[in-house]
Amino acid sequence: MIRNRMKEHRARLGLKQEELAKLEVQSADMKQKMRGDYLAKEKMYARAVWEYRQILKRQSPGKLGVQFYGAIWNNLGVAYAGL
């Protein structure tokens, strides 16, 4: 359901094929972060919290770096504040 809505929004935004190709090569955690960011932007905070918490459950040192996971913690806090 969420993925379908994201596809509809992408189509409305007119994302170019090159931009879509860049999204396809991202890691699973990065894609999930992007989903969480999108959900938070659309004020779907509870769903965004779930996305961010899933990433943190799988967190492995060195996988994407401290800054990436720091951004996840930050975004999680922002999503909680929006609830």
Protein backbone atom coordinates (compact mmCIF):
# COMPACT_ATOMS: atom_id res chain seq x y z
CA MET A 1 0.00 0.00 0.00
CA ILE A 2 2.72 2.47 1.00
CA ARG A 3 4.91 1.48 -1.93
CA ASN A 4 2.01 2.01 -4.34
CA ARG A 5 1.38 5.47 -2.89
CA MET A 6 5.09 6.28 -3.20
CA LYS A 7 5.04 5.19 -6.84
CA GLU A 8 2.04 7.43 -7.48
CA HIS A 9 3.79 10.36 -5.83
CA ARG A 10 6.97 9.72 -7.83
CA ALA A 11 4.93 9.72 -11.01
CA ARG A 12 3.29 12.99 -10.02
CA LEU A 13 6.65 14.51 -9.23
CA GLY A 14 7.91 13.44 -12.62
CA LEU A 15 11.08 11.75 -11.42
CA LYS A 16 13.33 10.97 -14.32
CA GLN A 17 14.34 7.43 -15.21
CA GLU A 18 17.94 8.16 -14.12
CA GLU A 19 16.77 9.21 -10.67
CA LEU A 20 14.71 6.04 -10.34
CA ALA A 21 17.72 3.95 -11.37
CA LYS A 22 19.77 5.57 -8.58
CA LEU A 23 17.12 4.52 -6.08
CA GLU A 24 17.25 0.93 -7.27
CA VAL A 25 20.94 0.51 -6.44
CA GLN A 26 20.63 1.80 -2.87
CA SER A 27 21.05 -0.58 0.06
CA ALA A 28 17.96 -1.95 1.79
CA ASP A 29 18.59 0.24 4.84
CA MET A 30 18.96 3.35 2.70
CA LYS A 31 15.72 2.57 0.84
CA GLN A 32 13.94 2.03 4.14
CA LYS A 33 15.35 5.33 5.47
CA MET A 34 14.05 7.08 2.38
CA ARG A 35 10.64 5.48 2.97
CA GLY A 36 10.68 6.67 6.58
CA ASP A 37 11.71 10.16 5.48
CA TYR A 38 8.88 10.24 2.97
CA LEU A 39 6.35 9.05 5.55
CA ALA A 40 7.51 11.66 8.07
CA LYS A 41 7.27 14.37 5.42
CA GLU A 42 3.70 13.26 4.71
CA LYS A 43 2.95 13.39 8.48
CA MET A 44 2.54 9.61 8.75
CA TYR A 45 4.69 9.61 11.87
CA ALA A 46 3.73 6.23 13.35
CA ARG A 47 4.66 4.47 10.11
CA ALA A 48 7.90 6.46 9.89
CA VAL A 49 8.79 5.40 13.45
CA TRP A 50 8.26 1.77 12.47
CA GLU A 51 10.56 2.12 9.42
CA TYR A 52 13.33 3.76 11.44
CA ARG A 53 13.07 1.20 14.28
CA GLN A 54 13.40 -1.66 11.77
CA ILE A 55 16.64 -0.17 10.48
CA LEU A 56 18.02 0.18 14.01
CA LYS A 57 17.13 -3.45 14.81
CA ARG A 58 19.35 -4.59 11.93
CA GLN A 59 22.11 -2.07 12.65
CA SER A 60 25.57 -3.53 12.18
CA PRO A 61 28.73 -1.55 12.92
CA GLY A 62 30.49 -0.37 9.81
CA LYS A 63 27.67 -1.33 7.47
CA LEU A 64 26.66 2.22 6.55
CA GLY A 65 28.63 4.24 9.05
CA VAL A 66 28.01 6.10 12.26
CA GLN A 67 26.65 9.18 10.50
CA PHE A 68 23.94 7.19 8.73
CA TYR A 69 22.72 5.62 11.96
CA GLY A 70 23.00 8.98 13.73
CA ALA A 71 20.66 10.40 11.09
CA ILE A 72 18.26 7.51 11.74
CA TRP A 73 18.20 8.29 15.47
CA ASN A 74 17.63 11.97 14.70
CA ASN A 75 14.78 11.23 12.28
CA LEU A 76 13.26 8.80 14.76
CA GLY A 77 13.19 11.56 17.38
CA VAL A 78 11.59 13.96 14.92
CA ALA A 79 8.94 11.38 14.04
CA TYR A 80 8.18 10.75 17.72
CA ALA A 81 7.86 14.50 18.26
CA GLY A 82 5.29 14.61 15.46
CA LEU A 83 3.04 11.98 17.04
